[in-house]
Amino acid sequence: MNKELNAAEAVYGFVGWLTTREERTVMSAKDDCAPIAELIKRFCTENNLPEVSDQWPLNLIHPSGEVAVPNAELCGARRASEPTPGYAGDNNGE
């Protein structure tokens, strides 16, 4: 790679990588953060991204409220009420 990734490219690249992996990635306030932290570290190392600074939490602005997903059907998204086939966390366990 000849050019360093900017922050937006890194975010899009990371999420793009997550969405193409066979292994399911689960992230929420109720889940263990260690697996996602390891994926972040792996992505950053692979892309030669710098380590975060001690002040990184102060540099963040988190979006507030729920985020609408336009054209969710095109992305293969399901409604929260629909079970995810093959996911051990759903009620039917299929």
C-alpha atoms as a PDB file:
ATOM      1  CA  MET A   1       0.000   0.000   0.000  1.00  0.00           C
ATOM      2  CA  ASN A   2       1.434   3.348  -1.035  1.00  0.00           C
ATOM      3  CA  LYS A   3      -0.932   5.676   0.764  1.00  0.00           C
ATOM      4  CA  GLU A   4      -1.950   5.830   4.419  1.00  0.00           C
ATOM      5  CA  LEU A   5      -5.616   5.320   5.179  1.00  0.00           C
ATOM      6  CA  ASN A   6      -7.470   8.322   6.546  1.00  0.00           C
ATOM      7  CA  ALA A   7      -9.826   7.790   9.490  1.00  0.00           C
ATOM      8  CA  ALA A   8     -12.995   7.413   7.381  1.00  0.00           C
ATOM      9  CA  GLU A   9     -11.321   4.929   5.042  1.00  0.00           C
ATOM     10  CA  ALA A  10     -10.174   2.888   8.035  1.00  0.00           C
ATOM     11  CA  VAL A  11     -13.685   2.785   9.531  1.00  0.00           C
ATOM     12  CA  TYR A  12     -15.285   1.792   6.212  1.00  0.00           C
ATOM     13  CA  GLY A  13     -12.525  -0.722   5.537  1.00  0.00           C
ATOM     14  CA  PHE A  14     -12.874  -2.336   8.953  1.00  0.00           C
ATOM     15  CA  VAL A  15     -16.641  -2.646   8.712  1.00  0.00           C
ATOM     16  CA  GLY A  16     -16.336  -3.900   5.137  1.00  0.00           C
ATOM     17  CA  TRP A  17     -13.949  -6.596   6.328  1.00  0.00           C
ATOM     18  CA  LEU A  18     -16.314  -7.594   9.143  1.00  0.00           C
ATOM     19  CA  THR A  19     -19.239  -7.932   6.741  1.00  0.00           C
ATOM     20  CA  THR A  20     -17.301 -10.237   4.403  1.00  0.00           C
ATOM     21  CA  ARG A  21     -16.016 -12.667   7.034  1.00  0.00           C
ATOM     22  CA  GLU A  22     -17.695 -16.066   7.400  1.00  0.00           C
ATOM     23  CA  GLU A  23     -17.469 -15.840  11.192  1.00  0.00           C
ATOM     24  CA  ARG A  24     -20.263 -13.819  12.813  1.00  0.00           C
ATOM     25  CA  THR A  25     -19.185 -10.734  14.759  1.00  0.00           C
ATOM     26  CA  VAL A  26     -21.487  -9.733  17.613  1.00  0.00           C
ATOM     27  CA  MET A  27     -21.179  -6.323  19.227  1.00  0.00           C
ATOM     28  CA  SER A  28     -23.391  -4.771  21.871  1.00  0.00           C
ATOM     29  CA  ALA A  29     -23.294  -3.406  25.386  1.00  0.00           C
ATOM     30  CA  LYS A  30     -24.236  -6.898  26.599  1.00  0.00           C
ATOM     31  CA  ASP A  31     -21.424  -8.772  24.839  1.00  0.00           C
ATOM     32  CA  ASP A  32     -17.764  -9.324  25.698  1.00  0.00           C
ATOM     33  CA  CYS A  33     -15.646  -6.668  23.973  1.00  0.00           C
ATOM     34  CA  ALA A  34     -12.445  -8.771  23.824  1.00  0.00           C
ATOM     35  CA  PRO A  35     -13.194 -10.452  20.458  1.00  0.00           C
ATOM     36  CA  ILE A  36     -13.923  -7.156  18.705  1.00  0.00           C
ATOM     37  CA  ALA A  37     -10.875  -5.542  20.320  1.00  0.00           C
ATOM     38  CA  GLU A  38      -8.730  -8.337  18.887  1.00  0.00           C
ATOM     39  CA  LEU A  39     -10.255  -7.809  15.422  1.00  0.00           C
ATOM     40  CA  ILE A  40      -9.565  -4.074  15.658  1.00  0.00           C
ATOM     41  CA  LYS A  41      -5.956  -4.757  16.653  1.00  0.00           C
ATOM     42  CA  ARG A  42      -5.550  -7.225  13.777  1.00  0.00           C
ATOM     43  CA  PHE A  43      -7.031  -4.767  11.243  1.00  0.00           C
ATOM     44  CA  CYS A  44      -4.874  -1.889  12.512  1.00  0.00           C
ATOM     45  CA  THR A  45      -1.709  -4.000  12.430  1.00  0.00           C
ATOM     46  CA  GLU A  46      -2.462  -5.310   8.938  1.00  0.00           C
ATOM     47  CA  ASN A  47      -3.029  -1.759   7.671  1.00  0.00           C
ATOM     48  CA  ASN A  48      -0.071  -0.208   9.520  1.00  0.00           C
ATOM     49  CA  LEU A  49      -2.343   2.138  11.444  1.00  0.00           C
ATOM     50  CA  PRO A  50      -0.848   3.992  14.423  1.00  0.00           C
ATOM     51  CA  GLU A  51      -1.593   3.097  18.016  1.00  0.00           C
ATOM     52  CA  VAL A  52      -4.336   5.095  19.700  1.00  0.00           C
ATOM     53  CA  SER A  53      -3.300   7.951  21.960  1.00  0.00           C
ATOM     54  CA  ASP A  54      -4.101   8.138  25.658  1.00  0.00           C
ATOM     55  CA  GLN A  55      -6.585  10.905  24.841  1.00  0.00           C
ATOM     56  CA  TRP A  56      -8.556   8.963  22.194  1.00  0.00           C
ATOM     57  CA  PRO A  57     -11.764   8.767  24.280  1.00  0.00           C
ATOM     58  CA  LEU A  58     -11.752  12.568  24.566  1.00  0.00           C
ATOM     59  CA  ASN A  59     -11.479  12.895  20.785  1.00  0.00           C
ATOM     60  CA  LEU A  60     -14.673  10.922  20.094  1.00  0.00           C
ATOM     61  CA  ILE A  61     -18.171  12.181  19.487  1.00  0.00           C
ATOM     62  CA  HIS A  62     -20.703   9.352  19.570  1.00  0.00           C
ATOM     63  CA  PRO A  63     -23.921   9.659  17.565  1.00  0.00           C
ATOM     64  CA  SER A  64     -27.011   9.866  19.730  1.00  0.00           C
ATOM     65  CA  GLY A  65     -30.267   7.994  19.263  1.00  0.00           C
ATOM     66  CA  GLU A  66     -31.106   5.169  16.918  1.00  0.00           C
ATOM     67  CA  VAL A  67     -29.543   5.138  13.487  1.00  0.00           C
ATOM     68  CA  ALA A  68     -31.877   4.383  10.608  1.00  0.00           C
ATOM     69  CA  VAL A  69     -30.579   1.954   7.998  1.00  0.00           C
ATOM     70  CA  PRO A  70     -31.770   3.069   4.561  1.00  0.00           C
ATOM     71  CA  ASN A  71     -32.493   0.266   2.103  1.00  0.00           C
ATOM     72  CA  ALA A  72     -31.966  -2.334   4.817  1.00  0.00           C
ATOM     73  CA  GLU A  73     -33.407  -5.029   2.552  1.00  0.00           C
ATOM     74  CA  LEU A  74     -30.643  -4.393   0.025  1.00  0.00           C
ATOM     75  CA  CYS A  75     -28.037  -5.028   2.700  1.00  0.00           C
ATOM     76  CA  GLY A  76     -29.685  -8.257   3.827  1.00  0.00           C
ATOM     77  CA  ALA A  77     -30.675  -6.681   7.145  1.00  0.00           C
ATOM     78  CA  ARG A  78     -33.404  -8.221   9.240  1.00  0.00           C
ATOM     79  CA  ARG A  79     -35.813  -6.584  11.595  1.00  0.00           C
ATOM     80  CA  ALA A  80     -35.025  -7.097  15.265  1.00  0.00           C
ATOM     81  CA  SER A  81     -38.133  -9.280  15.580  1.00  0.00           C
ATOM     82  CA  GLU A  82     -36.896 -11.682  12.885  1.00  0.00           C
ATOM     83  CA  PRO A  83     -34.630 -14.525  14.042  1.00  0.00           C
ATOM     84  CA  THR A  84     -31.201 -14.832  12.481  1.00  0.00           C
ATOM     85  CA  PRO A  85     -30.915 -18.345  11.016  1.00  0.00           C
ATOM     86  CA  GLY A  86     -28.050 -20.351  12.447  1.00  0.00           C
ATOM     87  CA  TYR A  87     -27.331 -17.894  15.276  1.00  0.00           C
ATOM     88  CA  ALA A  88     -27.106 -19.666  18.643  1.00  0.00           C
ATOM     89  CA  GLY A  89     -28.582 -16.627  20.403  1.00  0.00           C
ATOM     90  CA  ASP A  90     -31.975 -16.856  18.709  1.00  0.00           C
ATOM     91  CA  ASN A  91     -34.926 -18.646  20.233  1.00  0.00           C
ATOM     92  CA  ASN A  92     -35.163 -21.523  17.789  1.00  0.00           C
ATOM     93  CA  GLY A  93     -31.458 -22.481  17.966  1.00  0.00           C
ATOM     94  CA  GLU A  94     -31.374 -23.513  14.308  1.00  0.00           C
END
